Amino acid sequence: MDSSTLKERAASILGIANSLSDALTGLGLPEPSFENGLPPALHKDAPDSHAGAARQSLLQELDEFRALLTEPTLLLTPELVSLPRASSPRDRTLMTD
């Protein structure tokens, strides 16, 4: 189990977010926003790209960060560690329906 501190995790999240922003800029695409939605390169069915990989990595890091702050004991249970974790609020809803 990763023993990174909150600051180390936050720095990792910031680094990945910067990488994602740079990848989108390199593709001539805007960052995601509530007004404009998700850029095409970040759609789940988009071809593999650095932007898509950064998106997945960022979602995983954010999910782990949130879990650490809300349910850290569940992360130590071997049976639960192997369960798929939702990568977005919509995915979490689908998993509980």
Protein backbone atom coordinates (compact mmCIF):
# COMPACT_ATOMS: atom_id res chain seq x y z
CA MET A 1 0.00 0.00 0.00
CA ASP A 2 1.31 3.43 -0.94
CA SER A 3 2.36 5.47 2.09
CA SER A 4 2.58 8.88 0.42
CA THR A 5 1.70 11.87 2.54
CA LEU A 6 -1.21 14.14 1.67
CA LYS A 7 1.21 16.75 0.31
CA GLU A 8 3.02 14.17 -1.83
CA ARG A 9 -0.28 12.91 -3.22
CA ALA A 10 -1.44 16.47 -3.89
CA ALA A 11 1.84 17.24 -5.68
CA SER A 12 1.39 14.11 -7.80
CA ILE A 13 -2.17 15.16 -8.69
CA LEU A 14 -0.96 18.64 -9.64
CA GLY A 15 1.81 17.18 -11.80
CA ILE A 16 -0.61 14.93 -13.67
CA ALA A 17 -3.10 17.80 -14.09
CA ASN A 18 -0.33 19.96 -15.58
CA SER A 19 0.64 17.13 -17.92
CA LEU A 20 -2.98 16.73 -19.02
CA SER A 21 -3.33 20.47 -19.59
CA ASP A 22 -0.14 20.53 -21.65
CA ALA A 23 -1.29 17.53 -23.71
CA LEU A 24 -4.61 19.22 -24.48
CA THR A 25 -2.86 22.47 -25.40
CA GLY A 26 -0.57 20.49 -27.70
CA LEU A 27 -3.64 19.08 -29.45
CA GLY A 28 -5.16 22.56 -29.75
CA LEU A 29 -8.01 21.60 -27.42
CA PRO A 30 -9.45 23.52 -24.46
CA GLU A 31 -9.39 22.14 -20.95
CA PRO A 32 -12.58 20.46 -19.71
CA SER A 33 -15.17 22.93 -18.43
CA PHE A 34 -18.78 22.94 -17.36
CA GLU A 35 -19.58 25.32 -20.23
CA ASN A 36 -17.82 23.43 -23.02
CA GLY A 37 -17.90 19.85 -21.77
CA LEU A 38 -15.20 17.25 -22.30
CA PRO A 39 -12.73 17.67 -25.19
CA PRO A 40 -12.99 14.86 -27.77
CA ALA A 41 -9.53 13.50 -26.88
CA LEU A 42 -10.81 12.65 -23.38
CA HIS A 43 -13.95 10.75 -24.35
CA LYS A 44 -13.85 7.12 -23.24
CA ASP A 45 -14.03 5.91 -26.84
CA ALA A 46 -11.23 8.23 -28.07
CA PRO A 47 -8.07 6.60 -29.45
CA ASP A 48 -5.24 6.10 -26.98
CA SER A 49 -3.28 9.28 -26.43
CA HIS A 50 -1.09 10.98 -23.85
CA ALA A 51 -4.11 13.12 -22.89
CA GLY A 52 -6.30 10.04 -22.42
CA ALA A 53 -3.64 8.28 -20.34
CA ALA A 54 -3.17 11.40 -18.21
CA ARG A 55 -6.94 11.58 -17.71
CA GLN A 56 -7.07 7.99 -16.48
CA SER A 57 -4.07 8.49 -14.22
CA LEU A 58 -5.55 11.70 -12.77
CA LEU A 59 -8.89 10.02 -12.10
CA GLN A 60 -7.15 7.13 -10.33
CA GLU A 61 -5.05 9.48 -8.18
CA LEU A 62 -8.09 11.57 -7.27
CA ASP A 63 -10.08 8.46 -6.41
CA GLU A 64 -7.30 7.22 -4.12
CA PHE A 65 -6.93 10.67 -2.53
CA ARG A 66 -10.67 10.83 -1.83
CA ALA A 67 -10.73 7.29 -0.48
CA LEU A 68 -7.82 8.05 1.82
CA LEU A 69 -9.75 10.94 3.33
CA THR A 70 -13.10 9.16 3.57
CA GLU A 71 -12.52 5.43 3.97
CA PRO A 72 -8.86 4.58 4.68
CA THR A 73 -9.61 1.36 6.55
CA LEU A 74 -11.33 -0.09 3.48
CA LEU A 75 -8.08 0.37 1.54
CA LEU A 76 -6.34 -2.02 3.94
CA THR A 77 -8.84 -4.85 3.43
CA PRO A 78 -7.32 -7.20 0.80
CA GLU A 79 -10.71 -8.34 -0.48
CA LEU A 80 -11.81 -4.75 -1.11
CA VAL A 81 -8.54 -3.54 -2.62
CA SER A 82 -9.09 -5.81 -5.62
CA LEU A 83 -12.63 -4.54 -6.31
CA PRO A 84 -12.99 -2.15 -9.26
CA ARG A 85 -13.29 1.45 -8.13
CA ALA A 86 -15.42 4.00 -9.92
CA SER A 87 -13.50 6.66 -11.80
CA SER A 88 -16.25 9.25 -11.92
CA PRO A 89 -19.41 10.17 -10.00
CA ARG A 90 -21.46 8.78 -12.90
CA ASP A 91 -19.55 5.47 -12.72
CA ARG A 92 -20.15 5.31 -8.96
CA THR A 93 -23.88 5.71 -9.57
CA LEU A 94 -23.84 2.92 -12.14
CA MET A 95 -21.95 0.63 -9.75
CA THR A 96 -24.55 1.11 -6.99
CA ASP A 97 -27.66 0.73 -9.16
